[in-house]
PDB file of all heavy atoms in Angstrom:
ATOM      1  N   ILE A   1       8.275  -2.760  -5.892  1.00  0.00           N
ATOM      2  CA  ILE A   1       7.507  -3.254  -7.034  1.00  0.00           C
ATOM      3  C   ILE A   1       6.136  -3.691  -6.528  1.00  0.00           C
ATOM      4  O   ILE A   1       6.037  -4.602  -5.707  1.00  0.00           O
ATOM      5  CB  ILE A   1       8.248  -4.403  -7.740  1.00  0.00           C
ATOM      6  CG1 ILE A   1       9.598  -3.886  -8.261  1.00  0.00           C
ATOM      7  CG2 ILE A   1       7.420  -4.985  -8.869  1.00  0.00           C
ATOM      8  CD1 ILE A   1      10.450  -4.929  -8.932  1.00  0.00           C
ATOM      9  N   VAL A   2       5.120  -3.028  -7.031  1.00  0.00           N
ATOM     10  CA  VAL A   2       3.763  -3.240  -6.510  1.00  0.00           C
ATOM     11  C   VAL A   2       2.814  -3.588  -7.651  1.00  0.00           C
ATOM     12  O   VAL A   2       3.031  -3.184  -8.799  1.00  0.00           O
ATOM     13  CB  VAL A   2       3.259  -1.976  -5.773  1.00  0.00           C
ATOM     14  CG1 VAL A   2       4.137  -1.674  -4.578  1.00  0.00           C
ATOM     15  CG2 VAL A   2       3.212  -0.782  -6.724  1.00  0.00           C
ATOM     16  N   PRO A   3       1.760  -4.376  -7.372  1.00  0.00           N
ATOM     17  CA  PRO A   3       0.776  -4.703  -8.414  1.00  0.00           C
ATOM     18  C   PRO A   3       0.110  -3.437  -8.958  1.00  0.00           C
ATOM     19  O   PRO A   3      -0.126  -2.471  -8.226  1.00  0.00           O
ATOM     20  CB  PRO A   3      -0.230  -5.595  -7.689  1.00  0.00           C
ATOM     21  CG  PRO A   3       0.506  -6.126  -6.507  1.00  0.00           C
ATOM     22  CD  PRO A   3       1.458  -5.042  -6.096  1.00  0.00           C
ATOM     23  N   ALA A   4      -0.169  -3.449 -10.258  1.00  0.00           N
ATOM     24  CA  ALA A   4      -0.850  -2.329 -10.914  1.00  0.00           C
ATOM     25  C   ALA A   4      -1.848  -2.888 -11.915  1.00  0.00           C
ATOM     26  O   ALA A   4      -1.887  -4.102 -12.168  1.00  0.00           O
ATOM     27  CB  ALA A   4       0.165  -1.422 -11.605  1.00  0.00           C
ATOM     28  N   ASN A   5      -2.629  -2.022 -12.504  1.00  0.00           N
ATOM     29  CA  ASN A   5      -3.666  -2.465 -13.439  1.00  0.00           C
ATOM     30  C   ASN A   5      -3.084  -3.220 -14.629  1.00  0.00           C
ATOM     31  O   ASN A   5      -3.681  -4.165 -15.139  1.00  0.00           O
ATOM     32  CB  ASN A   5      -4.470  -1.262 -13.948  1.00  0.00           C
ATOM     33  CG  ASN A   5      -5.308  -0.633 -12.841  1.00  0.00           C
ATOM     34  OD1 ASN A   5      -5.664  -1.307 -11.878  1.00  0.00           O
ATOM     35  ND2 ASN A   5      -5.617   0.648 -12.985  1.00  0.00           N
ATOM     36  N   THR A   6      -1.911  -2.811 -15.064  1.00  0.00           N
ATOM     37  CA  THR A   6      -1.286  -3.432 -16.232  1.00  0.00           C
ATOM     38  C   THR A   6      -0.204  -4.440 -15.875  1.00  0.00           C
ATOM     39  O   THR A   6       0.512  -4.901 -16.758  1.00  0.00           O
ATOM     40  CB  THR A   6      -0.677  -2.339 -17.130  1.00  0.00           C
ATOM     41  OG1 THR A   6       0.262  -1.579 -16.353  1.00  0.00           O
ATOM     42  CG2 THR A   6      -1.770  -1.419 -17.669  1.00  0.00           C
ATOM     43  N   GLY A   7      -0.066  -4.788 -14.607  1.00  0.00           N
ATOM     44  CA  GLY A   7       0.960  -5.749 -14.189  1.00  0.00           C
ATOM     45  C   GLY A   7       1.619  -5.317 -12.904  1.00  0.00           C
ATOM     46  O   GLY A   7       1.070  -5.496 -11.823  1.00  0.00           O
ATOM     47  N   PHE A   8       2.804  -4.680 -13.024  1.00  0.00           N
ATOM     48  CA  PHE A   8       3.532  -4.198 -11.862  1.00  0.00           C
ATOM     49  C   PHE A   8       4.029  -2.786 -12.129  1.00  0.00           C
ATOM     50  O   PHE A   8       4.384  -2.435 -13.255  1.00  0.00           O
ATOM     51  CB  PHE A   8       4.736  -5.097 -11.546  1.00  0.00           C
ATOM     52  CG  PHE A   8       4.362  -6.482 -11.091  1.00  0.00           C
ATOM     53  CD1 PHE A   8       4.279  -7.526 -12.001  1.00  0.00           C
ATOM     54  CD2 PHE A   8       4.098  -6.747  -9.750  1.00  0.00           C
ATOM     55  CE1 PHE A   8       3.941  -8.800 -11.592  1.00  0.00           C
ATOM     56  CE2 PHE A   8       3.762  -8.010  -9.334  1.00  0.00           C
ATOM     57  CZ  PHE A   8       3.677  -9.045 -10.254  1.00  0.00           C
ATOM     58  N   ALA A   9       4.059  -1.981 -11.083  1.00  0.00           N
ATOM     59  CA  ALA A   9       4.597  -0.625 -11.168  1.00  0.00           C
ATOM     60  C   ALA A   9       5.779  -0.486 -10.217  1.00  0.00           C
ATOM     61  O   ALA A   9       5.892  -1.222  -9.234  1.00  0.00           O
ATOM     62  CB  ALA A   9       3.516   0.402 -10.827  1.00  0.00           C
ATOM     63  N   LEU A  10       6.670   0.459 -10.502  1.00  0.00           N
ATOM     64  CA  LEU A  10       7.849   0.708  -9.684  1.00  0.00           C
ATOM     65  C   LEU A  10       7.668   2.034  -8.955  1.00  0.00           C
ATOM     66  O   LEU A  10       7.490   3.074  -9.594  1.00  0.00           O
ATOM     67  CB  LEU A  10       9.118   0.745 -10.538  1.00  0.00           C
ATOM     68  CG  LEU A  10       9.689  -0.593 -11.020  1.00  0.00           C
ATOM     69  CD1 LEU A  10       8.814  -1.200 -12.111  1.00  0.00           C
ATOM     70  CD2 LEU A  10      11.115  -0.428 -11.544  1.00  0.00           C
ATOM     71  N   HIS A  11       7.722   1.982  -7.629  1.00  0.00           N
ATOM     72  CA  HIS A  11       7.636   3.175  -6.793  1.00  0.00           C
ATOM     73  C   HIS A  11       9.009   3.441  -6.187  1.00  0.00           C
ATOM     74  O   HIS A  11       9.499   2.645  -5.376  1.00  0.00           O
ATOM     75  CB  HIS A  11       6.578   2.995  -5.705  1.00  0.00           C
ATOM     76  CG  HIS A  11       5.179   2.904  -6.247  1.00  0.00           C
ATOM     77  ND1 HIS A  11       4.075   2.652  -5.453  1.00  0.00           N
ATOM     78  CD2 HIS A  11       4.691   3.042  -7.516  1.00  0.00           C
ATOM     79  CE1 HIS A  11       2.982   2.624  -6.215  1.00  0.00           C
ATOM     80  NE2 HIS A  11       3.333   2.849  -7.458  1.00  0.00           N
ATOM     81  N   TRP A  12       9.609   4.576  -6.556  1.00  0.00           N
ATOM     82  CA  TRP A  12      11.001   4.831  -6.204  1.00  0.00           C
ATOM     83  C   TRP A  12      11.159   5.617  -4.904  1.00  0.00           C
ATOM     84  O   TRP A  12      10.318   6.439  -4.540  1.00  0.00           O
ATOM     85  CB  TRP A  12      11.691   5.598  -7.342  1.00  0.00           C
ATOM     86  CG  TRP A  12      11.950   4.721  -8.521  1.00  0.00           C
ATOM     87  CD1 TRP A  12      11.143   4.548  -9.612  1.00  0.00           C
ATOM     88  CD2 TRP A  12      13.076   3.868  -8.707  1.00  0.00           C
ATOM     89  NE1 TRP A  12      11.704   3.637 -10.479  1.00  0.00           N
ATOM     90  CE2 TRP A  12      12.893   3.202  -9.956  1.00  0.00           C
ATOM     91  CE3 TRP A  12      14.222   3.603  -7.964  1.00  0.00           C
ATOM     92  CZ2 TRP A  12      13.813   2.299 -10.452  1.00  0.00           C
ATOM     93  CZ3 TRP A  12      15.147   2.694  -8.461  1.00  0.00           C
ATOM     94  CH2 TRP A  12      14.930   2.055  -9.685  1.00  0.00           C
ATOM     95  N   LYS A  13      12.272   5.344  -4.219  1.00  0.00           N
ATOM     96  CA  LYS A  13      12.666   6.105  -3.043  1.00  0.00           C
ATOM     97  C   LYS A  13      14.187   6.206  -3.048  1.00  0.00           C
ATOM     98  O   LYS A  13      14.883   5.362  -3.644  1.00  0.00           O
ATOM     99  CB  LYS A  13      12.177   5.426  -1.759  1.00  0.00           C
ATOM    100  CG  LYS A  13      12.571   3.958  -1.630  1.00  0.00           C
ATOM    101  CD  LYS A  13      11.803   3.278  -0.515  1.00  0.00           C
ATOM    102  CE  LYS A  13      12.084   1.770  -0.510  1.00  0.00           C
ATOM    103  NZ  LYS A  13      11.262   1.062   0.485  1.00  0.00           N
ATOM    104  N   GLU A  14      14.687   7.218  -2.404  1.00  0.00           N
ATOM    105  CA  GLU A  14      16.135   7.401  -2.355  1.00  0.00           C
ATOM    106  C   GLU A  14      16.768   6.335  -1.452  1.00  0.00           C
ATOM    107  O   GLU A  14      16.148   5.867  -0.493  1.00  0.00           O
ATOM    108  CB  GLU A  14      16.478   8.797  -1.824  1.00  0.00           C
ATOM    109  CG  GLU A  14      15.899   9.928  -2.656  1.00  0.00           C
ATOM    110  CD  GLU A  14      16.276   9.840  -4.124  1.00  0.00           C
ATOM    111  OE1 GLU A  14      17.470   9.622  -4.411  1.00  0.00           O
ATOM    112  OE2 GLU A  14      15.390   9.992  -4.978  1.00  0.00           O
ATOM    113  N   ALA A  15      17.998   5.964  -1.800  1.00  0.00           N
ATOM    114  CA  ALA A  15      18.722   4.945  -1.028  1.00  0.00           C
ATOM    115  C   ALA A  15      19.346   5.612   0.199  1.00  0.00           C
ATOM    116  O   ALA A  15      20.515   6.017   0.176  1.00  0.00           O
ATOM    117  CB  ALA A  15      19.774   4.263  -1.896  1.00  0.00           C
ATOM    118  N   ILE A  16      18.550   5.735   1.252  1.00  0.00           N
ATOM    119  CA  ILE A  16      19.001   6.424   2.473  1.00  0.00           C
ATOM    120  C   ILE A  16      19.052   5.467   3.659  1.00  0.00           C
ATOM    121  O   ILE A  16      20.050   5.396   4.377  1.00  0.00           O
ATOM    122  CB  ILE A  16      18.071   7.614   2.796  1.00  0.00           C
ATOM    123  CG1 ILE A  16      18.118   8.642   1.645  1.00  0.00           C
ATOM    124  CG2 ILE A  16      18.462   8.261   4.117  1.00  0.00           C
ATOM    125  CD1 ILE A  16      17.143   9.779   1.811  1.00  0.00           C
ATOM    126  N   ARG A  17      17.970   4.703   3.865  1.00  0.00           N
ATOM    127  CA  ARG A  17      17.907   3.828   5.037  1.00  0.00           C
ATOM    128  C   ARG A  17      18.923   2.699   4.910  1.00  0.00           C
ATOM    129  O   ARG A  17      18.972   1.980   3.913  1.00  0.00           O
ATOM    130  CB  ARG A  17      16.504   3.254   5.184  1.00  0.00           C
ATOM    131  CG  ARG A  17      15.471   4.267   5.647  1.00  0.00           C
ATOM    132  CD  ARG A  17      14.111   3.640   5.795  1.00  0.00           C
ATOM    133  NE  ARG A  17      14.162   2.400   6.586  1.00  0.00           N
ATOM    134  CZ  ARG A  17      13.092   1.651   6.839  1.00  0.00           C
ATOM    135  NH1 ARG A  17      11.906   2.007   6.357  1.00  0.00           N
ATOM    136  NH2 ARG A  17      13.204   0.550   7.555  1.00  0.00           N
ATOM    137  N   SER A  18      19.749   2.524   5.940  1.00  0.00           N
ATOM    138  CA  SER A  18      20.829   1.532   5.877  1.00  0.00           C
ATOM    139  C   SER A  18      20.299   0.114   5.748  1.00  0.00           C
ATOM    140  O   SER A  18      20.883  -0.713   5.027  1.00  0.00           O
ATOM    141  CB  SER A  18      21.726   1.653   7.106  1.00  0.00           C
ATOM    142  OG  SER A  18      20.984   1.448   8.293  1.00  0.00           O
ATOM    143  N   ASP A  19      19.190  -0.205   6.436  1.00  0.00           N
ATOM    144  CA  ASP A  19      18.676  -1.571   6.370  1.00  0.00           C
ATOM    145  C   ASP A  19      18.200  -1.910   4.963  1.00  0.00           C
ATOM    146  O   ASP A  19      18.430  -3.012   4.465  1.00  0.00           O
ATOM    147  CB  ASP A  19      17.559  -1.782   7.392  1.00  0.00           C
ATOM    148  CG  ASP A  19      16.399  -0.820   7.193  1.00  0.00           C
ATOM    149  OD1 ASP A  19      16.614   0.267   6.618  1.00  0.00           O
ATOM    150  OD2 ASP A  19      15.274  -1.161   7.621  1.00  0.00           O
ATOM    151  N   GLU A  20      17.560  -0.964   4.285  1.00  0.00           N
ATOM    152  CA  GLU A  20      17.109  -1.201   2.918  1.00  0.00           C
ATOM    153  C   GLU A  20      18.289  -1.321   1.961  1.00  0.00           C
ATOM    154  O   GLU A  20      18.281  -2.164   1.049  1.00  0.00           O
ATOM    155  CB  GLU A  20      16.181  -0.072   2.462  1.00  0.00           C
ATOM    156  CG  GLU A  20      14.852  -0.023   3.199  1.00  0.00           C
ATOM    157  CD  GLU A  20      13.991   1.133   2.757  1.00  0.00           C
ATOM    158  OE1 GLU A  20      14.541   2.156   2.289  1.00  0.00           O
ATOM    159  OE2 GLU A  20      12.760   1.021   2.892  1.00  0.00           O
ATOM    160  N   CYS A  21      19.306  -0.505   2.163  1.00  0.00           N
ATOM    161  CA  CYS A  21      20.494  -0.565   1.304  1.00  0.00           C
ATOM    162  C   CYS A  21      21.224  -1.888   1.467  1.00  0.00           C
ATOM    163  O   CYS A  21      21.648  -2.516   0.481  1.00  0.00           O
ATOM    164  CB  CYS A  21      21.438   0.591   1.621  1.00  0.00           C
ATOM    165  SG  CYS A  21      20.802   2.226   1.177  1.00  0.00           S
ATOM    166  N   ILE A  22      21.374  -2.336   2.706  1.00  0.00           N
ATOM    167  CA  ILE A  22      22.061  -3.605   2.958  1.00  0.00           C
ATOM    168  C   ILE A  22      21.298  -4.762   2.334  1.00  0.00           C
ATOM    169  O   ILE A  22      21.883  -5.651   1.707  1.00  0.00           O
ATOM    170  CB  ILE A  22      22.242  -3.814   4.483  1.00  0.00           C
ATOM    171  CG1 ILE A  22      23.239  -2.803   5.038  1.00  0.00           C
ATOM    172  CG2 ILE A  22      22.697  -5.244   4.781  1.00  0.00           C
ATOM    173  CD1 ILE A  22      23.319  -2.797   6.548  1.00  0.00           C
ATOM    174  N   GLN A  23      19.987  -4.750   2.471  1.00  0.00           N
ATOM    175  CA  GLN A  23      19.175  -5.815   1.902  1.00  0.00           C
ATOM    176  C   GLN A  23      19.296  -5.831   0.379  1.00  0.00           C
ATOM    177  O   GLN A  23      19.454  -6.894  -0.235  1.00  0.00           O
ATOM    178  CB  GLN A  23      17.715  -5.634   2.304  1.00  0.00           C
ATOM    179  CG  GLN A  23      16.804  -6.753   1.792  1.00  0.00           C
ATOM    180  CD  GLN A  23      15.360  -6.546   2.212  1.00  0.00           C
ATOM    181  OE1 GLN A  23      14.989  -5.485   2.691  1.00  0.00           O
ATOM    182  NE2 GLN A  23      14.545  -7.566   2.038  1.00  0.00           N
ATOM    183  N   ALA A  24      19.236  -4.652  -0.235  1.00  0.00           N
ATOM    184  CA  ALA A  24      19.345  -4.573  -1.684  1.00  0.00           C
ATOM    185  C   ALA A  24      20.713  -5.015  -2.163  1.00  0.00           C
ATOM    186  O   ALA A  24      20.843  -5.787  -3.125  1.00  0.00           O
ATOM    187  CB  ALA A  24      19.052  -3.146  -2.153  1.00  0.00           C
ATOM    188  N   LEU A  25      21.773  -4.557  -1.499  1.00  0.00           N
ATOM    189  CA  LEU A  25      23.130  -4.905  -1.903  1.00  0.00           C
ATOM    190  C   LEU A  25      23.410  -6.391  -1.733  1.00  0.00           C
ATOM    191  O   LEU A  25      24.096  -7.000  -2.557  1.00  0.00           O
ATOM    192  CB  LEU A  25      24.146  -4.078  -1.112  1.00  0.00           C
ATOM    193  CG  LEU A  25      24.230  -2.598  -1.484  1.00  0.00           C
ATOM    194  CD1 LEU A  25      25.077  -1.850  -0.482  1.00  0.00           C
ATOM    195  CD2 LEU A  25      24.799  -2.440  -2.885  1.00  0.00           C
ATOM    196  N   SER A  26      22.872  -6.998  -0.665  1.00  0.00           N
ATOM    197  CA  SER A  26      23.099  -8.422  -0.452  1.00  0.00           C
ATOM    198  C   SER A  26      22.484  -9.250  -1.567  1.00  0.00           C
ATOM    199  O   SER A  26      23.015 -10.290  -1.957  1.00  0.00           O
ATOM    200  CB  SER A  26      22.538  -8.853   0.904  1.00  0.00           C
ATOM    201  OG  SER A  26      21.128  -8.730   0.933  1.00  0.00           O
ATOM    202  N   LEU A  27      21.370  -8.779  -2.117  1.00  0.00           N
ATOM    203  CA  LEU A  27      20.736  -9.494  -3.220  1.00  0.00           C
ATOM    204  C   LEU A  27      21.501  -9.286  -4.515  1.00  0.00           C
ATOM    205  O   LEU A  27      21.686 -10.211  -5.309  1.00  0.00           O
ATOM    206  CB  LEU A  27      19.286  -9.031  -3.376  1.00  0.00           C
ATOM    207  CG  LEU A  27      18.377  -9.863  -4.283  1.00  0.00           C
ATOM    208  CD1 LEU A  27      18.356 -11.323  -3.837  1.00  0.00           C
ATOM    209  CD2 LEU A  27      16.965  -9.289  -4.269  1.00  0.00           C
ATOM    210  N   ILE A  28      21.996  -8.082  -4.722  1.00  0.00           N
ATOM    211  CA  ILE A  28      22.746  -7.776  -5.938  1.00  0.00           C
ATOM    212  C   ILE A  28      23.982  -8.653  -6.079  1.00  0.00           C
ATOM    213  O   ILE A  28      24.302  -9.148  -7.156  1.00  0.00           O
ATOM    214  CB  ILE A  28      23.168  -6.292  -5.958  1.00  0.00           C
ATOM    215  CG1 ILE A  28      21.939  -5.393  -6.141  1.00  0.00           C
ATOM    216  CG2 ILE A  28      24.183  -6.021  -7.073  1.00  0.00           C
ATOM    217  CD1 ILE A  28      22.253  -3.918  -5.949  1.00  0.00           C
ATOM    218  N   VAL A  29      24.722  -8.836  -4.982  1.00  0.00           N
ATOM    219  CA  VAL A  29      25.993  -9.551  -5.064  1.00  0.00           C
ATOM    220  C   VAL A  29      25.832 -11.056  -4.860  1.00  0.00           C
ATOM    221  O   VAL A  29      26.813 -11.788  -4.861  1.00  0.00           O
ATOM    222  CB  VAL A  29      27.013  -9.011  -4.040  1.00  0.00           C
ATOM    223  CG1 VAL A  29      27.283  -7.549  -4.287  1.00  0.00           C
ATOM    224  CG2 VAL A  29      26.511  -9.228  -2.612  1.00  0.00           C
TER     225      VAL A  29
END
């Protein structure tokens, strides 16, 4: 989630890297 002219924009990437997945999952639960 990055700043944009109208507020914030979402830049997507596939859930491949284990460190990013673990960080995201830990926040979800």
